[in-house]
Amino acid sequence: MPMTTSSFAQLPEPPYYSVIFSSLRTPGENAYGAMAQRMVELASSQPGYLGVESARDSDGFGITVSYWTSLEAIAAWRRHAEHLLAQESGKEVWYEHYELRIALVERAYGKRP
């Protein structure tokens, strides 16, 4: 599926933080789509949330990058009760393999339409 300009998060000037979640899905839907959408909706209501970008290929490999104002905001999101339940389901049901990385974005630039 090709990305469009609406797939890009509208972000402020750096600095800000990114949470990079790379994952390989297990076979089957298992209510993943509904939970993924709910997590985006829930995250977007959290203090310090700036945006999200996500893509997944036909083999089940995906990358989701969420953007945050601070490490404290990221930690609060990690501890959110409903997010904790989704994390457990991810470990038990949805992900064969995943990696999570947190990075400070110090500079950002690109080509815009």
Protein backbone atom coordinates (compact mmCIF):
# COMPACT_ATOMS: atom_id res chain seq x y z
CA MET A 1 0.00 0.00 0.00
CA PRO A 2 1.61 3.31 -1.03
CA MET A 3 1.88 6.06 1.56
CA THR A 4 0.27 9.42 0.92
CA THR A 5 1.14 12.77 2.42
CA SER A 6 -1.69 12.29 4.93
CA SER A 7 0.29 9.32 6.34
CA PHE A 8 2.94 11.68 7.69
CA ALA A 9 2.67 12.98 11.24
CA GLN A 10 2.49 16.76 11.49
CA LEU A 11 5.29 17.47 13.96
CA PRO A 12 6.77 20.56 15.59
CA GLU A 13 10.39 21.58 15.18
CA PRO A 14 12.77 19.28 17.11
CA PRO A 15 13.74 18.34 19.69
CA TYR A 16 11.20 15.64 20.47
CA TYR A 17 11.32 11.89 21.06
CA SER A 18 10.38 8.98 18.84
CA VAL A 19 9.35 5.51 19.95
CA ILE A 20 10.19 3.09 17.14
CA PHE A 21 8.27 -0.19 17.34
CA SER A 22 9.35 -2.80 14.78
CA SER A 23 7.38 -6.03 14.77
CA LEU A 24 6.68 -9.25 12.94
CA ARG A 25 3.04 -10.32 13.25
CA THR A 26 1.85 -13.84 13.93
CA PRO A 27 -0.60 -15.34 11.39
CA GLY A 28 -4.28 -14.40 11.70
CA GLU A 29 -6.09 -11.24 12.64
CA ASN A 30 -7.02 -12.18 16.25
CA ALA A 31 -8.67 -8.74 16.75
CA TYR A 32 -5.36 -6.99 16.11
CA GLY A 33 -6.76 -4.27 13.84
CA ALA A 34 -9.32 -3.10 16.37
CA MET A 35 -6.76 -2.99 19.18
CA ALA A 36 -4.19 -1.18 17.02
CA GLN A 37 -6.77 1.48 16.15
CA ARG A 38 -7.78 1.80 19.79
CA MET A 39 -4.15 2.28 20.84
CA VAL A 40 -3.70 5.10 18.30
CA GLU A 41 -6.89 6.77 19.55
CA LEU A 42 -5.85 6.35 23.18
CA ALA A 43 -2.26 7.49 22.64
CA SER A 44 -3.46 10.60 20.82
CA SER A 45 -5.32 11.69 23.95
CA GLN A 46 -2.25 11.37 26.20
CA PRO A 47 -0.28 14.40 27.39
CA GLY A 48 2.88 14.82 25.34
CA TYR A 49 1.70 12.86 22.28
CA LEU A 50 2.67 14.48 18.98
CA GLY A 51 1.74 11.98 16.27
CA VAL A 52 2.26 8.54 14.72
CA GLU A 53 3.39 6.99 11.43
CA SER A 54 2.93 3.31 10.65
CA ALA A 55 3.41 0.82 7.83
CA ARG A 56 3.20 -2.98 7.51
CA ASP A 57 4.16 -5.19 4.58
CA SER A 58 2.40 -8.29 3.25
CA ASP A 59 4.79 -10.58 5.16
CA GLY A 60 3.66 -9.11 8.50
CA PHE A 61 6.71 -6.92 9.20
CA GLY A 62 5.76 -3.47 10.39
CA ILE A 63 7.17 -0.31 11.87
CA THR A 64 5.21 2.16 13.94
CA VAL A 65 6.86 5.37 15.08
CA SER A 66 5.11 7.48 17.68
CA TYR A 67 6.37 10.94 18.60
CA TRP A 68 6.39 12.48 22.09
CA THR A 69 7.46 15.67 23.81
CA SER A 70 9.40 13.98 26.63
CA LEU A 71 10.68 10.77 28.15
CA GLU A 72 8.19 11.30 30.97
CA ALA A 73 5.29 11.32 28.50
CA ILE A 74 6.59 8.09 26.95
CA ALA A 75 6.90 6.46 30.38
CA ALA A 76 3.35 7.49 31.30
CA TRP A 77 2.03 5.99 28.05
CA ARG A 78 3.94 2.77 28.71
CA ARG A 79 2.23 2.50 32.12
CA HIS A 80 -1.31 3.32 30.93
CA ALA A 81 -3.62 0.51 32.10
CA GLU A 82 -5.29 -0.17 28.75
CA HIS A 83 -1.94 0.00 26.95
CA LEU A 84 -0.52 -2.54 29.44
CA LEU A 85 -3.30 -4.98 28.46
CA ALA A 86 -2.52 -4.47 24.77
CA GLN A 87 1.18 -5.05 25.45
CA GLU A 88 0.41 -8.39 27.10
CA SER A 89 -1.79 -9.47 24.19
CA GLY A 90 0.99 -8.47 21.82
CA LYS A 91 3.48 -10.69 23.62
CA GLU A 92 1.08 -13.63 23.87
CA VAL A 93 -0.93 -13.43 20.63
CA TRP A 94 0.06 -10.85 17.99
CA TYR A 95 3.84 -10.65 17.71
CA GLU A 96 6.31 -13.31 16.74
CA HIS A 97 9.15 -10.84 17.28
CA TYR A 98 9.34 -7.17 18.20
CA GLU A 99 11.92 -4.51 19.03
CA LEU A 100 11.32 -1.14 20.65
CA ARG A 101 13.71 1.77 20.47
CA ILE A 102 13.48 5.28 21.88
CA ALA A 103 15.39 8.09 20.22
CA LEU A 104 15.79 11.83 20.60
CA VAL A 105 15.07 13.62 17.33
CA GLU A 106 17.45 16.55 17.16
CA ARG A 107 17.01 17.48 13.51
CA ALA A 108 14.30 16.81 10.93
CA TYR A 109 13.91 17.81 7.30
CA GLY A 110 12.32 16.51 4.13
CA LYS A 111 10.55 17.28 0.88
CA ARG A 112 6.98 18.44 1.17
CA PRO A 113 4.38 18.87 -1.55
